[in-house]
Structure formats: C-alpha cells, structure tokens
Amino acid sequence: MKPRLWIMSSYRLDLMIDTAGLRVMRAIADEGSFTAAAHSLGYSQPAISQMVRRLEERTGTVLVERIGRSVRLTEAGLVLARHAGPVLAALDAAEEEVAAIAGLRSGRVRLMAFPSASATLVPKALALVKRTYPDVSITFTEAEPPQSLAALRAGTCDIAVAFTYADVDLARGEEDVEGFEVTPLIDDDVKLVVPKDHPLAVSKAKVADLASLADDTWIAGCPRCRGHLLQVCRTAGFAPDVAYETEDYVAVMGLIAEGLGIALVPDLILRTVHHEDVVTLPITPSSLRRIEAVTTPDLSRVPAVRATLDALLESAAAQPKPVRSGHR
C-alpha cells in the first residue's frame, strides 16, 4: 500500500498543465486539426505538435489520437479542453484586473490619519486623487499614530499619516517602525497658547521662554503630545503641572480662553481651531512636530498607493504659511 501511495503522490506532482497547453487543447477541439489550431493561435504546426507531446509527457497519457491527416481528442484530451474554457477565462479576467490596477484604472488604498491631518492635509489629497484617477477608491479612517502604525503592520492599512516630535522616534516605543518607508510631509511648529489676559499676552511678548512658565497650569493633549510636553518642560528645567487632559483641541481652546491653563499646540491644529480669547506665541527653545506619510517599501510601488503619496506631498506643499503669533 505504501509504495502505491508514493507513486500516486509523485504522479500528482508531475501533473503540471500550463496555460499554453490548455489553449492548444481548446484550439484543437474547436478547429479539428493541428494546422487550423496553429493558424488560430498564431503558431506553426510543428510548434503545436511539440506542445501536445510535452503536455502528454506531463500528464502521462495520450491526449490526441492521430488518424491519417485528421486528429481527434481522446477522453483525457476532451477533459482538458472542457476545463480550459473557464480556467482561461478566469486567468484572462485576473490579468485584466491586474492591468487595471497597474494602469490606475482601478485600485484601492486604505488611508489612516490623525485628526489635525484629516482636517487639513487629507481632504486636498483625496480630492487630487479623485480628480486625477476617478476609478481609484480610497477609504479613510481617523486614528492616532500608534493605532495607524499598528494597522499598517497588520496589513489593514496601506498609508498612515503619522507624526513625531523632534528627537523622538516615530512611535516612541509604542510600535516597531523597522521596515516602514517614511515620506516627510510638513515640519509643524509647536506654539504656546495662552489666555488673552495672561502676562505674556498683556506684555505683547514676541516669544515665550518656557523656563518662565514653571508656575503655570498646563493642559495636555493625546498621550504622545503629553509625552512631548513633559519632555520640553523637563529640558526647560521644570515638571509641568498638568491639570487637564483632552484630545479635543476645541475643548483645549475653551479651557485656555477661560483662564484654566496654557498649552502647547502644533501649528497645523491652529489653522483649523480658532478662539478670539487666546493668544499664540512661538516658544524658546523651539520645537517641531514632523508630519510623515508611512507605508511599506512594497506598497509604495503599488500605483494607487504611489499616487496617494504624491497627492499627500502636493497637499502638504499647498498648505498655508505657519500661523503668526497674536490674538486668534
């Protein structure tokens, strides 16, 4: 019994039928002769004969019965000819779909971005792709960098628009970024936001020295932004008194306007969140938040993903100049 099973397994491994062989068998069935099959496929008659012999060697059985100048398919040949139609149709459909994706006549991109990027960079980029490649589909989900980078690693996202602060790794240890391809989009200035009756605002200071704000109450944003706040204040020589935490920057502006605290807010957020009762100031030492598009080297070669990355770069280049200090 064991030798027989081994023989059957070896036979199955040797049974390799290529698409060219299937096309030949279907052509012979349709045309009735090697010569007519060769003409329909654009081959020579000897080439058809050679392909049939090779296919017979691979299958281990006779596929074509030659009777004088005519030929007819054996039972095994008829089986191959019958299955050739749907198999070749499926392969042709697959080739057409791949060609459409490669030619940007179709394609899907799954994009994730954090809130302030989704309100500024992303809309223009999506519009650019839609206008240039109307058949490319982009789905968008809002997520902070730890979640979007994890999704990229898991294969449920194609591009993550993320951010990192100066001298801080992209994921701050929250997600392994090895193997990612990073495209810088914008260097985003971080500003100090204070209520309009704050001493710095009243004195019309041009720049805020962080070391002078050790006694102020602070408002922190997302976990990554809170980590940045703690770091820059530590560098300035103090630990900030963080009394409030919220990722909603509309709420941050409201808290500041009521005199409940001050906050560090990236410039990209200040372009979309306004309040007339706060003042923004550059800080010293200065700090930057770098906004980046993150994908994988393989995905970056996919035409629809590449087109979306290019659109994000174009959107970044078109963004307004940094917000100036003064009343909002």
Protein backbone atom coordinates (compact mmCIF):
# COMPACT_ATOMS: atom_id res chain seq x y z
CA MET A 1 0.00 0.00 0.00
CA LYS A 2 2.74 2.48 0.86
CA PRO A 3 4.57 2.16 -2.49
CA ARG A 4 1.27 2.71 -4.32
CA LEU A 5 0.56 5.90 -2.36
CA TRP A 6 4.05 7.14 -3.15
CA ILE A 7 3.52 6.50 -6.85
CA MET A 8 0.21 8.42 -6.83
CA SER A 9 1.78 11.37 -4.97
CA SER A 10 4.63 11.52 -7.48
CA TYR A 11 2.15 11.43 -10.36
CA ARG A 12 0.23 14.39 -8.93
CA LEU A 13 3.40 16.42 -8.51
CA ASP A 14 4.35 15.77 -12.13
CA LEU A 15 0.91 16.78 -13.42
CA MET A 16 1.78 20.33 -14.44
CA ILE A 17 -0.53 21.84 -17.05
CA ASP A 18 0.40 25.31 -18.27
CA THR A 19 -1.95 27.84 -19.83
CA ALA A 20 -0.32 27.46 -23.25
CA GLY A 21 -1.15 23.77 -23.21
CA LEU A 22 -4.75 24.48 -22.26
CA ARG A 23 -5.09 26.99 -25.09
CA VAL A 24 -3.73 24.43 -27.56
CA MET A 25 -6.16 21.73 -26.40
CA ARG A 26 -9.10 24.09 -26.69
CA ALA A 27 -7.99 25.23 -30.16
CA ILE A 28 -7.66 21.63 -31.38
CA ALA A 29 -11.14 20.86 -30.05
CA ASP A 30 -12.58 23.96 -31.74
CA GLU A 31 -10.68 23.75 -35.06
CA GLY A 32 -10.39 19.98 -35.57
CA SER A 33 -6.77 19.85 -36.75
CA PHE A 34 -3.23 20.85 -35.75
CA THR A 35 -2.95 23.10 -38.82
CA ALA A 36 -6.16 25.02 -38.09
CA ALA A 37 -5.33 25.24 -34.38
CA ALA A 38 -1.87 26.62 -35.22
CA HIS A 39 -3.44 29.23 -37.53
CA SER A 40 -5.96 30.36 -34.88
CA LEU A 41 -3.26 30.73 -32.23
CA GLY A 42 -0.60 32.23 -34.49
CA TYR A 43 1.79 29.29 -34.03
CA SER A 44 3.44 26.98 -36.56
CA GLN A 45 2.05 23.48 -36.99
CA PRO A 46 5.29 21.86 -35.67
CA ALA A 47 5.06 24.07 -32.56
CA ILE A 48 1.54 22.80 -31.88
CA SER A 49 2.70 19.20 -32.28
CA GLN A 50 5.60 19.81 -29.88
CA MET A 51 3.33 21.42 -27.27
CA VAL A 52 0.91 18.49 -27.44
CA ARG A 53 3.76 16.00 -26.98
CA ARG A 54 5.07 17.94 -23.98
CA LEU A 55 1.60 18.04 -22.42
CA GLU A 56 1.19 14.30 -22.98
CA GLU A 57 4.52 13.71 -21.25
CA ARG A 58 3.44 15.80 -18.28
CA THR A 59 0.05 14.16 -17.92
CA GLY A 60 1.34 10.68 -18.63
CA THR A 61 -1.41 9.83 -21.09
CA VAL A 62 -2.40 10.24 -24.74
CA LEU A 63 -4.42 13.38 -25.39
CA VAL A 64 -4.74 13.43 -29.18
CA GLU A 65 -5.45 10.48 -31.47
CA ARG A 66 -3.96 10.92 -34.95
CA ILE A 67 -5.91 9.24 -37.76
CA GLY A 68 -4.25 9.92 -41.08
CA ARG A 69 -4.26 13.68 -41.58
CA SER A 70 -7.05 14.25 -39.09
CA VAL A 71 -6.92 14.25 -35.30
CA ARG A 72 -9.41 13.83 -32.52
CA LEU A 73 -9.13 14.26 -28.78
CA THR A 74 -9.03 11.26 -26.51
CA GLU A 75 -11.17 11.13 -23.39
CA ALA A 76 -8.38 12.79 -21.39
CA GLY A 77 -7.93 15.39 -24.12
CA LEU A 78 -11.65 16.18 -24.03
CA VAL A 79 -11.44 16.67 -20.25
CA LEU A 80 -8.64 19.23 -20.65
CA ALA A 81 -10.47 21.00 -23.49
CA ARG A 82 -13.66 21.18 -21.40
CA HIS A 83 -11.89 22.68 -18.38
CA ALA A 84 -9.76 25.02 -20.49
CA GLY A 85 -12.63 27.46 -21.11
CA PRO A 86 -13.44 28.50 -17.53
CA VAL A 87 -9.79 28.28 -16.41
CA LEU A 88 -8.55 30.54 -19.21
CA ALA A 89 -11.48 32.92 -18.75
CA ALA A 90 -10.62 33.28 -15.06
CA LEU A 91 -6.95 33.91 -15.87
CA ASP A 92 -7.86 36.48 -18.53
CA ALA A 93 -10.11 38.26 -16.02
CA ALA A 94 -7.34 38.25 -13.43
CA GLU A 95 -4.86 39.67 -15.95
CA GLU A 96 -7.32 42.43 -16.86
CA GLU A 97 -7.89 43.36 -13.23
CA VAL A 98 -4.15 43.47 -12.52
CA ALA A 99 -3.59 45.56 -15.64
CA ALA A 100 -6.32 47.96 -14.49
CA ILE A 101 -4.66 48.33 -11.09
CA ALA A 102 -1.21 48.79 -12.62
CA GLY A 103 -2.62 51.37 -15.05
CA LEU A 104 -4.54 53.25 -12.32
CA ARG A 105 -7.85 52.43 -14.00
CA SER A 106 -8.79 50.88 -10.66
CA GLY A 107 -7.23 50.21 -7.27
CA ARG A 108 -7.92 50.59 -3.58
CA VAL A 109 -5.99 52.49 -0.93
CA ARG A 110 -6.73 52.33 2.80
CA LEU A 111 -5.60 55.57 4.44
CA MET A 112 -5.39 56.44 8.14
CA ALA A 113 -4.54 59.87 9.57
CA PHE A 114 -4.64 61.65 12.90
CA PRO A 115 -7.33 64.33 13.47
CA SER A 116 -5.49 67.56 12.59
CA ALA A 117 -4.09 65.98 9.41
CA SER A 118 -7.55 64.68 8.49
CA ALA A 119 -8.83 68.26 8.67
CA THR A 120 -6.02 69.81 6.60
CA LEU A 121 -3.75 67.55 4.53
CA VAL A 122 -6.09 64.67 3.79
CA PRO A 123 -9.10 66.38 2.13
CA LYS A 124 -7.00 68.08 -0.56
CA ALA A 125 -5.03 64.87 -1.19
CA LEU A 126 -8.22 62.82 -1.55
CA ALA A 127 -9.65 65.39 -3.95
CA LEU A 128 -6.47 65.33 -6.05
CA VAL A 129 -6.58 61.54 -6.40
CA LYS A 130 -10.30 61.55 -7.20
CA ARG A 131 -9.87 64.22 -9.84
CA THR A 132 -6.84 62.60 -11.49
CA TYR A 133 -7.74 58.91 -11.07
CA PRO A 134 -11.53 58.73 -10.68
CA ASP A 135 -11.59 54.92 -10.65
CA VAL A 136 -9.18 54.60 -7.72
CA SER A 137 -11.03 54.04 -4.44
CA ILE A 138 -9.63 55.45 -1.17
CA THR A 139 -11.13 54.58 2.19
CA PHE A 140 -10.22 56.82 5.12
CA THR A 141 -10.19 56.17 8.86
CA GLU A 142 -9.12 58.59 11.57
CA ALA A 143 -6.57 57.22 14.04
CA GLU A 144 -3.65 58.44 16.13
CA PRO A 145 -0.18 57.17 15.11
CA PRO A 146 0.07 54.20 17.48
CA GLN A 147 -3.16 52.74 16.09
CA SER A 148 -2.47 53.61 12.44
CA LEU A 149 1.07 52.21 12.55
CA ALA A 150 -0.21 49.03 14.16
CA ALA A 151 -2.82 48.75 11.38
CA LEU A 152 -0.11 49.24 8.76
CA ARG A 153 1.94 46.50 10.37
CA ALA A 154 -1.11 44.21 10.50
CA GLY A 155 -1.93 44.79 6.83
CA THR A 156 -5.26 46.56 7.40
CA CYS A 157 -3.92 49.95 6.29
CA ASP A 158 -1.84 51.00 3.25
CA ILE A 159 -0.75 54.51 4.28
CA ALA A 160 -0.60 56.01 7.78
CA VAL A 161 -0.25 59.76 8.14
CA ALA A 162 1.60 59.99 11.45
CA PHE A 163 3.68 62.48 13.39
CA THR A 164 6.73 62.58 15.60
CA TYR A 165 8.33 65.31 17.66
CA ALA A 166 11.95 66.37 17.27
CA ASP A 167 14.43 63.87 18.77
CA VAL A 168 11.62 61.38 19.39
CA ASP A 169 11.24 58.12 17.42
CA LEU A 170 8.20 57.92 15.17
CA ALA A 171 6.41 55.54 17.52
CA ARG A 172 8.12 56.45 20.84
CA GLY A 173 8.46 52.73 21.53
CA GLU A 174 4.73 52.12 21.04
CA GLU A 175 5.16 50.35 17.69
CA ASP A 176 8.14 48.87 15.89
CA VAL A 177 8.79 51.02 12.80
CA GLU A 178 11.51 48.86 11.28
CA GLY A 179 10.75 48.09 7.66
CA PHE A 180 8.47 51.08 7.08
CA GLU A 181 9.07 53.66 4.35
CA VAL A 182 8.66 57.22 5.64
CA THR A 183 7.91 60.27 3.48
CA PRO A 184 8.25 63.65 5.28
CA LEU A 185 5.32 65.97 4.57
CA ILE A 186 5.47 69.01 6.87
CA ASP A 187 7.64 70.33 9.70
CA ASP A 188 4.98 71.71 12.02
CA ASP A 189 5.93 74.45 14.51
CA VAL A 190 4.70 73.96 18.07
CA LYS A 191 3.29 77.15 19.62
CA LEU A 192 2.29 78.23 23.11
CA VAL A 193 -1.36 79.17 23.53
CA VAL A 194 -2.35 81.38 26.49
CA PRO A 195 -5.48 83.30 27.52
CA LYS A 196 -5.59 86.89 26.30
CA ASP A 197 -5.13 88.21 29.85
CA HIS A 198 -2.02 86.11 30.51
CA PRO A 199 1.04 88.24 31.43
CA LEU A 200 2.81 87.21 28.19
CA ALA A 201 -0.19 88.36 26.15
CA VAL A 202 -0.61 91.60 28.08
CA SER A 203 3.09 92.45 27.69
CA LYS A 204 2.85 91.69 23.96
CA ALA A 205 5.84 89.34 24.18
CA LYS A 206 7.23 88.18 20.85
CA VAL A 207 8.47 84.81 22.11
CA ALA A 208 7.63 82.73 25.18
CA ASP A 209 10.52 81.37 27.23
CA LEU A 210 9.31 78.01 28.56
CA ALA A 211 11.53 78.31 31.62
CA SER A 212 9.38 81.25 32.77
CA LEU A 213 6.20 79.14 32.80
CA ALA A 214 7.06 76.71 35.57
CA ASP A 215 4.28 78.02 37.82
CA ASP A 216 1.52 77.87 35.20
CA THR A 217 -1.18 75.23 34.98
CA TRP A 218 -0.96 73.14 31.80
CA ILE A 219 -3.40 71.36 29.51
CA ALA A 220 -2.15 68.19 27.76
CA GLY A 221 -3.40 66.55 24.57
CA CYS A 222 -3.03 62.99 23.29
CA PRO A 223 -0.59 60.62 25.06
CA ARG A 224 2.14 61.35 22.53
CA CYS A 225 1.58 65.12 22.87
CA ARG A 226 1.62 64.80 26.65
CA GLY A 227 4.96 62.99 26.40
CA HIS A 228 6.30 65.82 24.26
CA LEU A 229 5.07 68.43 26.77
CA LEU A 230 6.79 66.64 29.65
CA GLN A 231 9.99 66.36 27.64
CA VAL A 232 10.28 70.00 26.56
CA CYS A 233 9.38 71.26 30.03
CA ARG A 234 11.95 68.93 31.57
CA THR A 235 14.53 70.37 29.17
CA ALA A 236 13.48 73.85 30.32
CA GLY A 237 14.13 72.83 33.93
CA PHE A 238 10.73 72.04 35.43
CA ALA A 239 7.94 69.49 35.58
CA PRO A 240 4.66 70.96 34.30
CA ASP A 241 1.55 70.97 36.48
CA VAL A 242 -0.87 69.17 34.13
CA ALA A 243 -4.39 69.68 35.46
CA TYR A 244 -6.42 68.87 32.32
CA GLU A 245 -6.06 66.33 29.53
CA THR A 246 -8.12 66.17 26.34
CA GLU A 247 -7.50 65.22 22.71
CA ASP A 248 -10.25 67.63 21.61
CA TYR A 249 -8.46 70.87 20.71
CA VAL A 250 -11.71 72.79 20.56
CA ALA A 251 -12.02 71.92 24.25
CA VAL A 252 -8.36 72.89 24.80
CA MET A 253 -9.03 76.34 23.36
CA GLY A 254 -12.13 76.70 25.51
CA LEU A 255 -10.19 75.83 28.68
CA ILE A 256 -7.44 78.28 27.79
CA ALA A 257 -9.91 81.05 26.96
CA GLU A 258 -11.45 80.66 30.43
CA GLY A 259 -8.04 81.09 32.05
CA LEU A 260 -7.83 77.50 33.30
CA GLY A 261 -4.43 76.74 31.81
CA ILE A 262 -2.00 77.06 28.93
CA ALA A 263 -0.97 74.52 26.28
CA LEU A 264 1.49 73.68 23.53
CA VAL A 265 -0.42 73.34 20.25
CA PRO A 266 1.06 72.43 16.83
CA ASP A 267 0.57 74.96 14.09
CA LEU A 268 -1.48 72.61 11.90
CA ILE A 269 -4.12 72.47 14.61
CA LEU A 270 -4.12 76.27 14.99
CA ARG A 271 -5.09 76.54 11.31
CA THR A 272 -8.38 74.80 11.96
CA VAL A 273 -9.24 75.59 15.60
CA HIS A 274 -9.82 79.27 16.39
CA HIS A 275 -10.77 81.25 19.51
CA GLU A 276 -10.81 85.02 19.84
CA ASP A 277 -9.89 84.95 23.52
CA VAL A 278 -6.50 83.25 23.21
CA VAL A 279 -3.05 84.34 22.02
CA THR A 280 -0.42 82.19 20.33
CA LEU A 281 3.33 82.67 20.71
CA PRO A 282 6.47 80.98 19.39
CA ILE A 283 8.45 79.23 22.11
CA THR A 284 12.09 79.04 23.08
CA PRO A 285 13.64 76.60 22.86
CA SER A 286 11.66 75.94 19.70
CA SER A 287 10.06 72.59 18.96
CA LEU A 288 8.84 70.90 15.79
CA ARG A 289 6.34 68.20 15.06
CA ARG A 290 7.19 66.37 11.85
CA ILE A 291 4.23 65.00 9.88
CA GLU A 292 5.02 61.97 7.76
CA ALA A 293 3.30 59.52 5.42
CA VAL A 294 4.25 55.98 6.38
CA THR A 295 3.87 52.85 4.25
CA THR A 296 5.94 49.78 3.38
CA PRO A 297 8.53 49.58 0.58
CA ASP A 298 6.39 47.05 -1.31
CA LEU A 299 3.18 49.07 -1.01
CA SER A 300 4.94 52.23 -2.17
CA ARG A 301 5.42 50.56 -5.57
CA VAL A 302 1.69 49.92 -5.97
CA PRO A 303 0.49 52.61 -8.44
CA ALA A 304 -2.60 53.67 -6.46
CA VAL A 305 -0.58 53.94 -3.23
CA ARG A 306 2.17 55.88 -5.02
CA ALA A 307 -0.42 58.26 -6.47
CA THR A 308 -1.87 58.85 -3.00
CA LEU A 309 1.58 59.54 -1.53
CA ASP A 310 2.23 62.05 -4.32
CA ALA A 311 -1.13 63.70 -3.62
CA LEU A 312 -0.26 64.00 0.09
CA LEU A 313 3.04 65.65 -0.85
CA GLU A 314 1.23 68.07 -3.16
CA SER A 315 -1.31 68.85 -0.44
CA ALA A 316 1.49 69.46 2.07
CA ALA A 317 3.23 71.86 -0.33
CA ALA A 318 -0.02 73.80 -0.76
CA GLN A 319 -0.65 74.30 2.95
CA PRO A 320 -0.77 77.91 4.24
CA LYS A 321 2.22 79.52 5.90
CA PRO A 322 2.62 78.96 9.66
CA VAL A 323 0.20 80.78 11.94
CA ARG A 324 1.63 84.01 13.26
CA SER A 325 1.56 84.94 16.93
CA GLY A 326 -1.19 87.20 18.16
CA HIS A 327 -4.89 87.15 19.04
CA ARG A 328 -6.98 84.41 17.43
